[in-house]
């Protein structure tokens, strides 16, 4: 039987800034097709600029109109923009983010697919120029990862943690800008997610 694997996410999941390989989801699909004998269909439902509200609202017509066996959710960095002062409130409040995460996962529950949620990887704060007005901070990412992890634990959903490993890597070699991995970074993401799916018998 043909298996359908989809990803919901933002520009990173869409493959932005990977000029060689079209993004980690494409590389993940290649690894699966190379090493698994089953037949697969891959659906990239990630959109550049999406935040958790966009994903929650889009998921209804993206996922309920077709059958999925596995859906990977990798989104959130666009929820964490601040004016360049870490004491100012985030554009997107914590309560609103939590509400939209539950809305998204309520929709995905209806698909009967296995769900995997990834955490957010660190950014390179120093790459924001002095002219930048909207910035992001790793402290906000760490807090948000804890929130998303708690939601997944409450709902018994697979949660893939990568942040601690990534913060010890040389991100200058793996990122195109402050946020987006380059081709080398996308390859690492693809391999890590592939290994996680195999370890948890999700393929």
N, C-alpha and C. Protein backbone atom coordinates (compact mmCIF):
# COMPACT_ATOMS: atom_id res chain seq x y z
N UNK A 1 0.84 -1.19 0.00
CA UNK A 1 0.00 0.00 0.00
C UNK A 1 0.88 1.25 0.00
N UNK A 2 0.50 2.24 -0.78
CA UNK A 2 1.23 3.49 -0.84
C UNK A 2 1.10 4.24 0.47
N UNK A 3 2.23 4.68 1.03
CA UNK A 3 2.23 5.44 2.28
C UNK A 3 2.47 6.92 1.98
N UNK A 4 1.69 7.77 2.62
CA UNK A 4 1.78 9.21 2.39
C UNK A 4 2.39 9.90 3.61
N UNK A 5 3.50 10.59 3.40
CA UNK A 5 4.18 11.33 4.47
C UNK A 5 4.13 12.81 4.13
N UNK A 6 3.69 13.62 5.08
CA UNK A 6 3.60 15.06 4.86
C UNK A 6 4.34 15.85 5.91
N UNK A 7 4.66 17.09 5.56
CA UNK A 7 5.26 18.00 6.53
C UNK A 7 4.46 19.29 6.53
N UNK A 8 4.21 19.80 7.72
CA UNK A 8 3.60 21.11 7.93
C UNK A 8 4.65 21.99 8.57
N UNK A 9 4.89 23.17 8.01
CA UNK A 9 5.94 23.99 8.58
C UNK A 9 6.06 25.34 7.92
N UNK A 10 7.25 25.93 8.11
CA UNK A 10 7.53 27.27 7.62
C UNK A 10 8.61 27.20 6.55
N UNK A 11 9.38 28.27 6.38
CA UNK A 11 10.37 28.32 5.31
C UNK A 11 11.46 27.27 5.47
N UNK A 12 11.82 26.93 6.70
CA UNK A 12 12.87 25.93 6.91
C UNK A 12 12.39 24.57 6.41
N UNK A 13 11.17 24.21 6.75
CA UNK A 13 10.63 22.94 6.27
C UNK A 13 10.37 22.97 4.76
N UNK A 14 10.08 24.15 4.24
CA UNK A 14 9.84 24.28 2.81
C UNK A 14 11.13 24.10 2.00
N UNK A 15 12.28 24.38 2.64
CA UNK A 15 13.56 24.20 1.96
C UNK A 15 14.27 25.49 1.60
N UNK A 16 13.80 26.59 2.18
CA UNK A 16 14.39 27.90 1.88
C UNK A 16 15.88 27.90 2.22
N UNK A 17 16.68 28.47 1.33
CA UNK A 17 18.14 28.64 1.49
C UNK A 17 18.94 27.36 1.24
N UNK A 18 18.27 26.29 0.83
CA UNK A 18 19.01 25.10 0.41
C UNK A 18 19.04 25.10 -1.12
N UNK A 19 20.12 25.62 -1.67
CA UNK A 19 20.20 25.78 -3.12
C UNK A 19 20.66 24.51 -3.83
N UNK A 20 21.11 23.51 -3.06
CA UNK A 20 21.63 22.29 -3.66
C UNK A 20 20.62 21.15 -3.65
N UNK A 21 19.85 21.04 -2.57
CA UNK A 21 19.07 19.82 -2.37
C UNK A 21 17.57 20.04 -2.19
N UNK A 22 17.10 21.28 -2.25
CA UNK A 22 15.66 21.58 -2.14
C UNK A 22 15.10 21.36 -0.74
N UNK A 23 15.96 21.30 0.28
CA UNK A 23 15.46 21.25 1.65
C UNK A 23 15.53 19.88 2.30
N UNK A 24 15.41 19.89 3.62
CA UNK A 24 15.59 18.65 4.37
C UNK A 24 14.46 17.65 4.10
N UNK A 25 13.26 18.12 3.80
CA UNK A 25 12.18 17.17 3.56
C UNK A 25 12.41 16.40 2.27
N UNK A 26 12.96 17.07 1.27
CA UNK A 26 13.32 16.38 0.04
C UNK A 26 14.41 15.35 0.28
N UNK A 27 15.42 15.72 1.07
CA UNK A 27 16.50 14.79 1.38
C UNK A 27 15.99 13.63 2.23
N UNK A 28 15.06 13.93 3.14
CA UNK A 28 14.45 12.86 3.93
C UNK A 28 13.72 11.88 3.03
N UNK A 29 12.99 12.38 2.06
CA UNK A 29 12.26 11.50 1.15
C UNK A 29 13.21 10.61 0.36
N UNK A 30 14.36 11.16 -0.05
CA UNK A 30 15.35 10.36 -0.78
C UNK A 30 15.88 9.22 0.10
N UNK A 31 16.16 9.53 1.37
CA UNK A 31 16.67 8.50 2.28
C UNK A 31 15.65 7.39 2.49
N UNK A 32 14.39 7.78 2.64
CA UNK A 32 13.34 6.79 2.85
C UNK A 32 13.20 5.89 1.62
N UNK A 33 13.17 6.50 0.46
CA UNK A 33 13.00 5.72 -0.77
C UNK A 33 14.19 4.80 -1.05
N UNK A 34 15.37 5.22 -0.60
CA UNK A 34 16.58 4.42 -0.82
C UNK A 34 16.63 3.21 0.10
N UNK A 35 16.17 3.39 1.34
CA UNK A 35 16.38 2.36 2.36
C UNK A 35 15.13 1.57 2.73
N UNK A 36 13.98 1.95 2.26
CA UNK A 36 12.75 1.22 2.56
C UNK A 36 12.14 0.68 1.28
N UNK A 37 11.59 -0.50 1.37
CA UNK A 37 11.06 -1.16 0.18
C UNK A 37 9.62 -0.75 -0.14
N UNK A 38 8.91 -0.17 0.82
CA UNK A 38 7.53 0.21 0.58
C UNK A 38 7.46 1.38 -0.40
N UNK A 39 6.27 1.64 -0.94
CA UNK A 39 6.06 2.76 -1.82
C UNK A 39 5.56 3.96 -1.02
N UNK A 40 6.11 5.12 -1.33
CA UNK A 40 5.79 6.32 -0.56
C UNK A 40 5.40 7.48 -1.47
N UNK A 41 4.54 8.33 -0.94
CA UNK A 41 4.20 9.61 -1.53
C UNK A 41 4.56 10.68 -0.51
N UNK A 42 5.14 11.79 -0.96
CA UNK A 42 5.59 12.84 -0.04
C UNK A 42 4.89 14.15 -0.37
N UNK A 43 4.37 14.80 0.66
CA UNK A 43 3.61 16.04 0.47
C UNK A 43 4.20 17.14 1.35
N UNK A 44 4.82 18.14 0.70
CA UNK A 44 5.36 19.27 1.45
C UNK A 44 4.29 20.35 1.55
N UNK A 45 3.76 20.52 2.75
CA UNK A 45 2.71 21.50 3.01
C UNK A 45 3.24 22.68 3.82
N UNK A 46 4.54 22.92 3.73
CA UNK A 46 5.18 24.02 4.45
C UNK A 46 5.19 25.27 3.58
N UNK A 47 4.99 26.42 4.21
CA UNK A 47 4.93 27.69 3.48
C UNK A 47 5.82 28.72 4.16
N UNK A 48 6.61 29.40 3.35
CA UNK A 48 7.49 30.44 3.86
C UNK A 48 6.67 31.53 4.55
N UNK A 49 7.08 31.88 5.76
CA UNK A 49 6.41 32.94 6.50
C UNK A 49 5.31 32.46 7.43
N UNK A 50 4.93 31.19 7.36
CA UNK A 50 3.84 30.70 8.21
C UNK A 50 4.22 30.69 9.68
N UNK A 51 3.25 31.01 10.51
CA UNK A 51 3.37 30.83 11.96
C UNK A 51 2.39 29.76 12.39
N UNK A 52 2.28 29.53 13.68
CA UNK A 52 1.44 28.43 14.16
C UNK A 52 -0.03 28.67 13.85
N UNK A 53 -0.47 29.92 13.82
CA UNK A 53 -1.86 30.20 13.47
C UNK A 53 -2.12 29.87 12.00
N UNK A 54 -1.18 30.24 11.13
CA UNK A 54 -1.33 29.90 9.71
C UNK A 54 -1.41 28.38 9.53
N UNK A 55 -0.52 27.67 10.22
CA UNK A 55 -0.50 26.20 10.10
C UNK A 55 -1.80 25.59 10.59
N UNK A 56 -2.30 26.10 11.72
CA UNK A 56 -3.55 25.56 12.28
C UNK A 56 -4.72 25.80 11.34
N UNK A 57 -4.77 26.99 10.74
CA UNK A 57 -5.89 27.31 9.85
C UNK A 57 -5.77 26.59 8.51
N UNK A 58 -4.55 26.37 8.05
CA UNK A 58 -4.33 25.71 6.77
C UNK A 58 -4.51 24.20 6.85
N UNK A 59 -4.29 23.63 8.04
CA UNK A 59 -4.25 22.17 8.18
C UNK A 59 -5.57 21.51 7.80
N UNK A 60 -6.67 22.19 8.02
CA UNK A 60 -7.97 21.56 7.76
C UNK A 60 -8.09 21.13 6.31
N UNK A 61 -7.82 22.03 5.37
CA UNK A 61 -7.97 21.64 3.96
C UNK A 61 -6.73 20.96 3.42
N UNK A 62 -5.57 21.13 4.08
CA UNK A 62 -4.35 20.46 3.62
C UNK A 62 -4.34 18.98 3.97
N UNK A 63 -4.84 18.62 5.14
CA UNK A 63 -4.66 17.26 5.64
C UNK A 63 -5.93 16.41 5.65
N UNK A 64 -7.09 17.02 5.72
CA UNK A 64 -8.32 16.23 5.82
C UNK A 64 -8.88 15.83 4.46
N UNK A 65 -8.31 16.37 3.40
CA UNK A 65 -8.80 16.05 2.06
C UNK A 65 -8.10 14.85 1.45
N UNK A 66 -7.10 14.29 2.14
CA UNK A 66 -6.37 13.12 1.64
C UNK A 66 -5.88 12.30 2.83
N UNK A 67 -5.47 11.08 2.56
CA UNK A 67 -5.05 10.18 3.63
C UNK A 67 -3.56 10.32 3.88
N UNK A 68 -3.18 10.43 5.14
CA UNK A 68 -1.77 10.47 5.54
C UNK A 68 -1.47 9.34 6.52
N UNK A 69 -0.27 8.79 6.40
CA UNK A 69 0.22 7.82 7.38
C UNK A 69 1.09 8.48 8.43
N UNK A 70 1.79 9.53 8.04
CA UNK A 70 2.70 10.23 8.94
C UNK A 70 2.72 11.71 8.57
N UNK A 71 2.58 12.56 9.59
CA UNK A 71 2.69 14.01 9.38
C UNK A 71 3.73 14.56 10.34
N UNK A 72 4.71 15.25 9.79
CA UNK A 72 5.75 15.90 10.58
C UNK A 72 5.39 17.38 10.71
N UNK A 73 5.41 17.89 11.92
CA UNK A 73 5.12 19.31 12.16
C UNK A 73 6.41 19.97 12.61
N UNK A 74 6.85 20.97 11.85
CA UNK A 74 8.10 21.66 12.16
C UNK A 74 7.90 23.14 11.92
N UNK A 75 7.43 23.83 12.94
CA UNK A 75 7.04 25.23 12.79
C UNK A 75 7.19 25.96 14.12
N UNK A 76 7.33 27.29 14.04
CA UNK A 76 7.33 28.06 15.28
C UNK A 76 8.25 29.26 15.31
N UNK A 77 9.28 29.29 14.46
CA UNK A 77 10.24 30.38 14.56
C UNK A 77 9.60 31.72 14.22
N UNK A 78 8.57 31.73 13.38
CA UNK A 78 7.91 32.98 13.03
C UNK A 78 6.94 33.46 14.10
N UNK A 79 6.81 32.68 15.17
CA UNK A 79 5.98 33.10 16.31
C UNK A 79 6.76 33.95 17.31
N UNK A 80 8.06 34.08 17.12
CA UNK A 80 8.93 34.59 18.18
C UNK A 80 9.63 35.90 17.83
N UNK A 81 9.03 36.71 17.00
CA UNK A 81 9.65 37.98 16.65
C UNK A 81 9.43 39.02 17.74
N UNK A 82 10.48 39.76 18.04
CA UNK A 82 10.42 40.88 18.98
C UNK A 82 11.01 42.13 18.34
N UNK A 83 10.60 43.28 18.85
CA UNK A 83 11.38 44.47 18.58
C UNK A 83 12.75 44.28 19.24
N UNK A 84 13.73 45.01 18.78
CA UNK A 84 15.08 44.76 19.27
C UNK A 84 15.24 45.24 20.71
N UNK A 85 14.58 44.56 21.59
CA UNK A 85 14.67 44.79 23.03
C UNK A 85 14.01 43.59 23.67
N UNK A 86 14.78 42.73 24.30
CA UNK A 86 14.25 41.47 24.80
C UNK A 86 13.23 41.66 25.91
N UNK A 87 13.08 42.88 26.40
CA UNK A 87 12.09 43.12 27.45
C UNK A 87 10.71 43.44 26.88
N UNK A 88 10.65 43.67 25.59
CA UNK A 88 9.37 43.98 24.97
C UNK A 88 8.61 42.69 24.67
N UNK A 89 7.29 42.80 24.64
CA UNK A 89 6.44 41.62 24.44
C UNK A 89 6.63 41.06 23.03
N UNK A 90 6.52 39.73 22.93
CA UNK A 90 6.53 39.08 21.62
C UNK A 90 5.32 39.52 20.80
N UNK A 91 5.48 39.48 19.47
CA UNK A 91 4.36 39.80 18.59
C UNK A 91 3.18 38.86 18.83
N UNK A 92 3.48 37.61 19.22
CA UNK A 92 2.48 36.54 19.30
C UNK A 92 2.49 36.01 20.73
N UNK A 93 1.46 36.27 21.50
CA UNK A 93 1.47 35.94 22.92
C UNK A 93 1.54 34.43 23.16
N UNK A 94 2.04 34.06 24.33
CA UNK A 94 2.16 32.65 24.67
C UNK A 94 0.81 31.96 24.70
N UNK A 95 -0.19 32.62 25.27
CA UNK A 95 -1.52 32.02 25.33
C UNK A 95 -2.10 31.75 23.96
N UNK A 96 -1.89 32.68 23.04
CA UNK A 96 -2.40 32.49 21.67
C UNK A 96 -1.68 31.35 20.99
N UNK A 97 -0.36 31.25 21.19
CA UNK A 97 0.40 30.17 20.57
C UNK A 97 -0.09 28.80 21.07
N UNK A 98 -0.30 28.70 22.37
CA UNK A 98 -0.78 27.43 22.94
C UNK A 98 -2.15 27.07 22.35
N UNK A 99 -3.02 28.05 22.24
CA UNK A 99 -4.36 27.79 21.68
C UNK A 99 -4.26 27.26 20.26
N UNK A 100 -3.40 27.88 19.44
CA UNK A 100 -3.29 27.45 18.04
C UNK A 100 -2.59 26.10 17.91
N UNK A 101 -1.66 25.80 18.81
CA UNK A 101 -1.05 24.46 18.78
C UNK A 101 -2.11 23.39 19.03
N UNK A 102 -2.99 23.62 19.99
CA UNK A 102 -4.04 22.65 20.25
C UNK A 102 -5.02 22.57 19.08
N UNK A 103 -5.30 23.71 18.45
CA UNK A 103 -6.18 23.70 17.29
C UNK A 103 -5.56 22.87 16.16
N UNK A 104 -4.28 23.07 15.91
CA UNK A 104 -3.60 22.29 14.88
C UNK A 104 -3.64 20.81 15.19
N UNK A 105 -3.29 20.44 16.40
CA UNK A 105 -3.21 19.03 16.76
C UNK A 105 -4.59 18.38 16.82
N UNK A 106 -5.62 19.16 17.18
CA UNK A 106 -6.99 18.63 17.12
C UNK A 106 -7.35 18.24 15.69
N UNK A 107 -6.95 19.07 14.74
CA UNK A 107 -7.21 18.76 13.34
C UNK A 107 -6.44 17.52 12.90
N UNK A 108 -5.16 17.47 13.25
CA UNK A 108 -4.33 16.34 12.83
C UNK A 108 -4.80 15.03 13.47
N UNK A 109 -5.41 15.11 14.65
CA UNK A 109 -5.97 13.90 15.27
C UNK A 109 -6.99 13.24 14.36
N UNK A 110 -7.69 14.04 13.59
CA UNK A 110 -8.76 13.51 12.73
C UNK A 110 -8.20 12.75 11.53
N UNK A 111 -6.92 12.89 11.24
CA UNK A 111 -6.33 12.21 10.09
C UNK A 111 -5.99 10.76 10.38
N UNK A 112 -5.90 10.42 11.66
CA UNK A 112 -5.47 9.08 12.09
C UNK A 112 -4.04 8.76 11.70
N UNK A 113 -3.27 9.78 11.32
CA UNK A 113 -1.86 9.59 10.98
C UNK A 113 -1.01 9.64 12.25
N UNK A 114 0.17 9.05 12.17
CA UNK A 114 1.16 9.26 13.21
C UNK A 114 1.65 10.70 13.10
N UNK A 115 1.81 11.35 14.24
CA UNK A 115 2.24 12.75 14.26
C UNK A 115 3.60 12.85 14.95
N UNK A 116 4.52 13.56 14.31
CA UNK A 116 5.82 13.87 14.91
C UNK A 116 5.98 15.38 14.90
N UNK A 117 6.28 15.94 16.04
CA UNK A 117 6.54 17.37 16.17
C UNK A 117 8.02 17.56 16.49
N UNK A 118 8.68 18.44 15.74
CA UNK A 118 10.08 18.74 16.03
C UNK A 118 10.18 20.02 16.85
N UNK A 119 11.25 20.11 17.65
CA UNK A 119 11.50 21.36 18.34
C UNK A 119 12.12 22.37 17.37
N UNK A 120 12.37 23.57 17.85
CA UNK A 120 13.03 24.60 17.06
C UNK A 120 14.53 24.56 17.33
N UNK A 121 15.31 24.71 16.28
CA UNK A 121 16.76 24.74 16.46
C UNK A 121 17.20 26.18 16.74
N UNK A 122 18.41 26.35 17.30
CA UNK A 122 18.86 27.70 17.67
C UNK A 122 19.05 28.61 16.46
N UNK A 123 19.13 29.89 16.75
CA UNK A 123 19.46 30.88 15.73
C UNK A 123 20.82 31.48 16.05
N UNK A 124 21.36 32.27 15.11
CA UNK A 124 22.61 32.99 15.34
C UNK A 124 22.24 34.45 15.60
N UNK A 125 22.12 34.81 16.86
CA UNK A 125 21.66 36.15 17.21
C UNK A 125 22.59 37.23 16.66
N UNK A 126 23.87 36.95 16.61
CA UNK A 126 24.85 37.95 16.18
C UNK A 126 24.71 38.32 14.71
N UNK A 127 23.99 37.53 13.94
CA UNK A 127 23.84 37.82 12.52
C UNK A 127 22.77 38.87 12.23
N UNK A 128 22.00 39.27 13.24
CA UNK A 128 21.08 40.37 13.03
C UNK A 128 21.88 41.67 12.96
N UNK A 129 21.65 42.43 11.93
CA UNK A 129 22.40 43.67 11.75
C UNK A 129 21.87 44.75 12.68
N UNK A 130 22.63 45.82 12.79
CA UNK A 130 22.22 46.94 13.64
C UNK A 130 20.96 47.61 13.11
N UNK A 131 20.66 47.40 11.83
CA UNK A 131 19.46 48.01 11.23
C UNK A 131 18.21 47.18 11.45
N UNK A 132 18.36 45.95 11.93
CA UNK A 132 17.19 45.07 12.11
C UNK A 132 16.26 45.63 13.18
N UNK A 133 14.98 45.64 12.89
CA UNK A 133 14.00 46.10 13.87
C UNK A 133 13.28 44.93 14.54
N UNK A 134 13.11 43.84 13.81
CA UNK A 134 12.49 42.64 14.37
C UNK A 134 13.56 41.56 14.49
N UNK A 135 13.73 41.02 15.68
CA UNK A 135 14.77 40.02 15.94
C UNK A 135 14.16 38.85 16.71
N UNK A 136 14.95 37.80 16.85
CA UNK A 136 14.56 36.64 17.65
C UNK A 136 15.67 36.32 18.62
N UNK A 137 15.33 35.65 19.72
CA UNK A 137 16.31 35.33 20.75
C UNK A 137 16.24 33.85 21.10
N UNK A 138 17.39 33.26 21.36
CA UNK A 138 17.42 31.85 21.72
C UNK A 138 16.72 31.57 23.04
N UNK A 139 16.70 32.54 23.93
CA UNK A 139 15.99 32.33 25.20
C UNK A 139 14.50 32.11 24.95
N UNK A 140 13.95 32.81 23.97
CA UNK A 140 12.54 32.60 23.61
C UNK A 140 12.33 31.24 22.97
N UNK A 141 13.30 30.81 22.16
CA UNK A 141 13.21 29.48 21.53
C UNK A 141 13.22 28.40 22.59
N UNK A 142 14.09 28.52 23.57
CA UNK A 142 14.17 27.51 24.63
C UNK A 142 12.85 27.43 25.39
N UNK A 143 12.28 28.57 25.72
CA UNK A 143 10.99 28.60 26.41
C UNK A 143 9.90 27.97 25.55
N UNK A 144 9.89 28.31 24.27
CA UNK A 144 8.86 27.79 23.36
C UNK A 144 9.00 26.28 23.18
N UNK A 145 10.22 25.80 23.08
CA UNK A 145 10.42 24.35 22.97
C UNK A 145 9.85 23.62 24.17
N UNK A 146 10.02 24.19 25.35
CA UNK A 146 9.45 23.56 26.56
C UNK A 146 7.93 23.53 26.48
N UNK A 147 7.34 24.60 25.98
CA UNK A 147 5.88 24.66 25.85
C UNK A 147 5.38 23.60 24.87
N UNK A 148 6.01 23.54 23.70
CA UNK A 148 5.58 22.58 22.68
C UNK A 148 5.78 21.15 23.19
N UNK A 149 6.89 20.90 23.86
CA UNK A 149 7.15 19.57 24.41
C UNK A 149 6.06 19.17 25.40
N UNK A 150 5.67 20.09 26.26
CA UNK A 150 4.62 19.81 27.25
C UNK A 150 3.30 19.48 26.57
N UNK A 151 2.95 20.25 25.54
CA UNK A 151 1.71 19.99 24.80
C UNK A 151 1.74 18.59 24.19
N UNK A 152 2.88 18.23 23.61
CA UNK A 152 2.99 16.91 22.98
C UNK A 152 2.92 15.79 24.01
N UNK A 153 3.54 15.99 25.16
CA UNK A 153 3.47 14.99 26.23
C UNK A 153 2.04 14.82 26.70
N UNK A 154 1.31 15.90 26.84
CA UNK A 154 -0.08 15.84 27.29
C UNK A 154 -0.95 15.07 26.29
N UNK A 155 -0.60 15.16 25.03
CA UNK A 155 -1.41 14.55 23.98
C UNK A 155 -0.82 13.24 23.46
N UNK A 156 0.27 12.79 24.09
CA UNK A 156 0.93 11.54 23.70
C UNK A 156 1.35 11.56 22.23
N UNK A 157 2.03 12.64 21.85
CA UNK A 157 2.51 12.83 20.48
C UNK A 157 4.02 12.78 20.48
N UNK A 158 4.59 12.17 19.46
CA UNK A 158 6.04 12.09 19.34
C UNK A 158 6.65 13.49 19.25
N UNK A 159 7.65 13.77 20.09
CA UNK A 159 8.33 15.06 20.08
C UNK A 159 9.82 14.82 19.90
N UNK A 160 10.40 15.42 18.86
CA UNK A 160 11.80 15.21 18.53
C UNK A 160 12.61 16.43 18.98
N UNK A 161 13.49 16.21 19.96
CA UNK A 161 14.30 17.28 20.53
C UNK A 161 15.67 17.32 19.89
N UNK A 162 16.05 18.52 19.38
CA UNK A 162 17.35 18.69 18.73
C UNK A 162 18.13 19.88 19.25
N UNK A 163 17.49 20.78 19.96
CA UNK A 163 18.07 22.08 20.28
C UNK A 163 19.42 21.98 20.99
N UNK A 164 19.49 21.14 22.02
CA UNK A 164 20.74 21.06 22.80
C UNK A 164 21.91 20.60 21.95
N UNK A 165 21.65 19.67 21.05
CA UNK A 165 22.73 19.20 20.17
C UNK A 165 23.14 20.30 19.20
N UNK A 166 22.16 21.01 18.66
CA UNK A 166 22.47 22.03 17.67
C UNK A 166 23.20 23.23 18.27
N UNK A 167 22.91 23.58 19.50
CA UNK A 167 23.54 24.77 20.06
C UNK A 167 25.04 24.58 20.27
N UNK A 168 25.51 23.33 20.25
CA UNK A 168 26.94 23.06 20.39
C UNK A 168 27.64 22.87 19.05
N UNK A 169 26.90 22.99 17.97
CA UNK A 169 27.49 22.88 16.64
C UNK A 169 28.02 24.25 16.19
N UNK A 170 28.86 24.22 15.17
CA UNK A 170 29.35 25.46 14.57
C UNK A 170 28.29 25.95 13.59
N UNK A 171 27.37 26.74 14.10
CA UNK A 171 26.24 27.18 13.28
C UNK A 171 26.67 28.11 12.15
N UNK A 172 27.81 28.77 12.32
CA UNK A 172 28.31 29.65 11.26
C UNK A 172 28.54 28.87 9.96
N UNK A 173 28.84 27.60 10.08
CA UNK A 173 29.08 26.77 8.90
C UNK A 173 27.80 26.12 8.37
N UNK A 174 26.74 26.17 9.16
CA UNK A 174 25.53 25.42 8.82
C UNK A 174 24.33 26.31 8.49
N UNK A 175 24.51 27.64 8.62
CA UNK A 175 23.38 28.54 8.40
C UNK A 175 23.68 29.50 7.24
N UNK A 176 22.62 29.83 6.50
CA UNK A 176 22.69 30.83 5.44
C UNK A 176 22.61 32.24 6.01
N UNK A 177 21.78 32.41 7.04
CA UNK A 177 21.59 33.71 7.69
C UNK A 177 21.39 33.46 9.17
N UNK A 178 20.67 34.30 9.85
CA UNK A 178 20.49 34.13 11.29
C UNK A 178 19.61 32.94 11.64
N UNK A 179 18.73 32.56 10.75
CA UNK A 179 17.68 31.59 11.06
C UNK A 179 17.74 30.33 10.20
N UNK A 180 17.99 30.50 8.92
CA UNK A 180 17.80 29.41 7.96
C UNK A 180 19.07 28.59 7.74
N UNK A 181 18.98 27.29 7.90
CA UNK A 181 20.13 26.43 7.57
C UNK A 181 20.47 26.51 6.09
N UNK A 182 21.75 26.31 5.78
CA UNK A 182 22.18 26.19 4.40
C UNK A 182 22.05 24.73 3.96
N UNK A 183 22.62 24.40 2.82
CA UNK A 183 22.48 23.03 2.31
C UNK A 183 23.05 22.01 3.28
N UNK A 184 24.21 22.33 3.89
CA UNK A 184 24.82 21.40 4.85
C UNK A 184 23.92 21.22 6.07
N UNK A 185 23.32 22.31 6.52
CA UNK A 185 22.41 22.21 7.66
C UNK A 185 21.18 21.39 7.35
N UNK A 186 20.62 21.58 6.16
CA UNK A 186 19.44 20.80 5.76
C UNK A 186 19.75 19.30 5.70
N UNK A 187 20.94 18.95 5.24
CA UNK A 187 21.31 17.54 5.20
C UNK A 187 21.35 16.93 6.59
N UNK A 188 21.86 17.67 7.56
CA UNK A 188 21.91 17.17 8.93
C UNK A 188 20.50 16.98 9.47
N UNK A 189 19.63 17.96 9.24
CA UNK A 189 18.25 17.84 9.71
C UNK A 189 17.59 16.60 9.11
N UNK A 190 17.77 16.40 7.82
CA UNK A 190 17.16 15.25 7.16
C UNK A 190 17.63 13.94 7.78
N UNK A 191 18.93 13.83 8.04
CA UNK A 191 19.47 12.60 8.62
C UNK A 191 18.96 12.39 10.04
N UNK A 192 18.91 13.45 10.82
CA UNK A 192 18.44 13.34 12.20
C UNK A 192 16.97 12.89 12.25
N UNK A 193 16.15 13.47 11.41
CA UNK A 193 14.73 13.10 11.41
C UNK A 193 14.56 11.68 10.89
N UNK A 194 15.32 11.32 9.88
CA UNK A 194 15.26 9.95 9.37
C UNK A 194 15.62 8.95 10.46
N UNK A 195 16.69 9.22 11.19
CA UNK A 195 17.10 8.33 12.29
C UNK A 195 16.03 8.24 13.37
N UNK A 196 15.39 9.38 13.67
CA UNK A 196 14.32 9.39 14.68
C UNK A 196 13.14 8.55 14.22
N UNK A 197 12.76 8.67 12.97
CA UNK A 197 11.63 7.90 12.46
C UNK A 197 11.93 6.40 12.48
N UNK A 198 13.16 6.03 12.11
CA UNK A 198 13.52 4.62 12.15
C UNK A 198 13.52 4.09 13.58
N UNK A 199 14.12 4.85 14.49
CA UNK A 199 14.22 4.42 15.89
C UNK A 199 12.85 4.19 16.50
N UNK A 200 11.87 4.98 16.10
CA UNK A 200 10.54 4.91 16.69
C UNK A 200 9.55 4.11 15.82
N UNK A 201 10.10 3.39 14.83
CA UNK A 201 9.27 2.52 13.98
C UNK A 201 8.11 3.27 13.32
N UNK A 202 8.44 4.45 12.79
CA UNK A 202 7.42 5.28 12.19
C UNK A 202 7.43 5.24 10.67
N UNK A 203 8.26 4.41 10.08
CA UNK A 203 8.31 4.25 8.63
C UNK A 203 7.80 2.87 8.21
